[in-house]
Amino acid sequence: MNNLLPTTQIQHLIPQKAPFVMVDQLVDFSPQHVTASLTITPENTLVKDGIFTEPGVVEHMAQTVALHTGYAYFLKGEKAPTGYIGSIKKITIHKLPALSETITTKAEILHEFMGVTMVKVSAFNTKNEAIASGEMKTVIANE
């Protein structure tokens, strides 16, 4: 996998802004999937006692999905839309990453119709151990 875009180029592809950005690299992309990563730093607002919290892992997974949409729009020369988490289903957190670990999330697009995207997501730590998995539905806002 290649690092397609670093943090400095990702900021305009997702609706979240610092200090709430939970993706720092676009690793891989196709119309059917996306892979993004985040290195856990002490400055991250969702780190507590040196551990990246459950809400942080879920938000990282959601922002990976948002990055898929934003990058697809970028490739078409269009502005990335704002989107929301429509639902979270079957999320399982196996373990939480610590400071300095890099988590990588892979999202597979299951269905996409009229601005609603259903995805299967899986997150892994630096040792390629599964840390979380589940399904999410995201919705593009009507602007």
Protein backbone atom coordinates (compact mmCIF):
# COMPACT_ATOMS: atom_id res chain seq x y z
CA MET A 1 0.00 0.00 0.00
CA ASN A 2 1.12 3.51 -0.72
CA ASN A 3 0.69 6.63 1.33
CA LEU A 4 -1.49 8.61 -1.05
CA LEU A 5 -1.91 11.77 1.03
CA PRO A 6 -0.39 12.99 4.30
CA THR A 7 -2.19 15.09 6.93
CA THR A 8 -1.48 18.44 5.33
CA GLN A 9 -3.42 17.41 2.24
CA ILE A 10 -6.21 15.53 4.03
CA GLN A 11 -7.63 18.47 6.01
CA HIS A 12 -9.78 19.73 3.12
CA LEU A 13 -11.19 16.26 2.36
CA ILE A 14 -13.03 15.70 5.66
CA PRO A 15 -15.43 17.98 7.55
CA GLN A 16 -13.59 17.66 10.89
CA LYS A 17 -11.02 20.28 11.81
CA ALA A 18 -8.13 20.36 14.28
CA PRO A 19 -7.97 19.34 17.04
CA PHE A 20 -10.61 16.73 16.12
CA VAL A 21 -8.93 15.18 13.07
CA MET A 22 -8.54 11.43 13.64
CA VAL A 23 -6.88 10.44 10.33
CA ASP A 24 -3.41 11.52 9.29
CA GLN A 25 -2.73 9.48 6.14
CA LEU A 26 -4.72 8.22 3.20
CA VAL A 27 -2.98 4.91 2.57
CA ASP A 28 -5.05 3.28 -0.17
CA PHE A 29 -8.17 4.13 -2.19
CA SER A 30 -10.50 2.64 -4.78
CA PRO A 31 -14.21 3.17 -5.44
CA GLN A 32 -14.89 0.05 -3.33
CA HIS A 33 -12.52 0.58 -0.39
CA VAL A 34 -10.31 2.97 1.54
CA THR A 35 -7.46 2.57 4.02
CA ALA A 36 -6.41 5.39 6.36
CA SER A 37 -4.17 5.60 9.39
CA LEU A 38 -3.55 7.66 12.51
CA THR A 39 -0.50 7.79 14.74
CA ILE A 40 -1.61 8.32 18.35
CA THR A 41 0.00 11.41 19.90
CA PRO A 42 -0.29 12.94 23.39
CA GLU A 43 -1.96 16.02 21.88
CA ASN A 44 -4.90 13.96 20.60
CA THR A 45 -8.08 15.07 22.40
CA LEU A 46 -9.35 11.48 22.64
CA VAL A 47 -6.29 10.11 24.48
CA LYS A 48 -6.74 9.45 28.20
CA ASP A 49 -3.97 8.18 30.47
CA GLY A 50 -1.79 7.30 27.47
CA ILE A 51 -4.49 5.22 25.74
CA PHE A 52 -6.59 6.12 22.70
CA THR A 53 -10.18 5.78 23.94
CA GLU A 54 -13.11 3.84 22.47
CA PRO A 55 -14.72 7.03 21.10
CA GLY A 56 -11.40 7.81 19.43
CA VAL A 57 -11.27 4.45 17.69
CA VAL A 58 -14.87 4.80 16.49
CA GLU A 59 -14.26 8.39 15.31
CA HIS A 60 -11.11 7.27 13.47
CA MET A 61 -13.18 4.60 11.72
CA ALA A 62 -15.88 7.15 10.80
CA GLN A 63 -13.33 9.66 9.51
CA THR A 64 -11.79 6.93 7.36
CA VAL A 65 -15.19 6.56 5.68
CA ALA A 66 -15.49 10.36 5.34
CA LEU A 67 -12.05 10.40 3.74
CA HIS A 68 -13.25 7.91 1.11
CA THR A 69 -16.06 10.27 0.14
CA GLY A 70 -13.87 13.37 0.28
CA TYR A 71 -11.13 11.84 -1.86
CA ALA A 72 -13.65 10.58 -4.44
CA TYR A 73 -14.98 14.15 -4.77
CA PHE A 74 -11.40 15.51 -4.93
CA LEU A 75 -10.63 13.18 -7.84
CA LYS A 76 -13.68 14.59 -9.67
CA GLY A 77 -12.46 18.15 -9.00
CA GLU A 78 -15.36 18.85 -6.65
CA LYS A 79 -15.52 20.15 -3.07
CA ALA A 80 -15.85 17.45 -0.43
CA PRO A 81 -19.36 17.33 1.06
CA THR A 82 -20.26 17.36 4.73
CA GLY A 83 -21.51 14.04 6.03
CA TYR A 84 -22.76 12.46 9.21
CA ILE A 85 -22.74 9.06 10.86
CA GLY A 86 -26.22 7.69 10.18
CA SER A 87 -25.81 4.57 12.28
CA ILE A 88 -23.21 2.37 13.90
CA LYS A 89 -23.87 -1.35 13.95
CA LYS A 90 -22.05 -4.26 15.48
CA ILE A 91 -18.96 -2.33 16.60
CA THR A 92 -16.58 -4.51 18.59
CA ILE A 93 -13.48 -3.07 20.24
CA HIS A 94 -10.91 -5.76 20.95
CA LYS A 95 -8.11 -3.62 22.38
CA LEU A 96 -7.14 0.03 22.64
CA PRO A 97 -3.94 1.46 21.14
CA ALA A 98 -1.38 3.32 23.21
CA LEU A 99 0.61 6.46 22.49
CA SER A 100 2.93 6.25 19.47
CA GLU A 101 1.03 3.34 17.95
CA THR A 102 -0.35 3.75 14.47
CA ILE A 103 -3.82 2.46 13.83
CA THR A 104 -4.93 1.60 10.33
CA THR A 105 -8.53 1.25 9.30
CA LYS A 106 -9.78 -0.49 6.20
CA ALA A 107 -13.31 0.26 5.04
CA GLU A 108 -15.10 -1.79 2.41
CA ILE A 109 -18.04 -0.10 0.71
CA LEU A 110 -20.99 -2.50 0.90
CA HIS A 111 -23.70 -0.25 -0.58
CA GLU A 112 -23.81 3.33 -1.79
CA PHE A 113 -27.06 4.97 -2.88
CA MET A 114 -28.21 8.61 -2.99
CA GLY A 115 -25.62 9.87 -0.52
CA VAL A 116 -26.01 6.99 1.94
CA THR A 117 -23.04 4.66 2.27
CA MET A 118 -22.95 1.39 4.22
CA VAL A 119 -19.46 0.15 5.05
CA LYS A 120 -17.71 -2.68 6.83
CA VAL A 121 -14.77 -1.32 8.84
CA SER A 122 -11.79 -3.03 10.47
CA ALA A 123 -9.05 -1.33 12.48
CA PHE A 124 -5.59 -2.74 13.20
CA ASN A 125 -2.69 -1.68 15.41
CA THR A 126 1.00 -1.37 14.53
CA LYS A 127 1.45 -5.14 15.00
CA ASN A 128 -1.42 -5.76 12.52
CA GLU A 129 -3.60 -7.08 15.35
CA ALA A 130 -7.34 -6.42 15.00
CA ILE A 131 -8.41 -3.73 17.45
CA ALA A 132 -11.95 -2.99 16.24
CA SER A 133 -14.51 -3.97 13.63
CA GLY A 134 -18.09 -3.26 12.69
CA GLU A 135 -20.45 -1.62 10.25
CA MET A 136 -21.39 2.02 9.77
CA LYS A 137 -23.80 3.97 7.66
CA THR A 138 -22.84 7.51 6.65
CA VAL A 139 -25.08 10.11 5.08
CA ILE A 140 -24.08 13.12 2.95
CA ALA A 141 -25.81 16.27 4.19
CA ASN A 142 -28.18 18.10 1.88
CA GLU A 143 -26.57 21.48 1.39
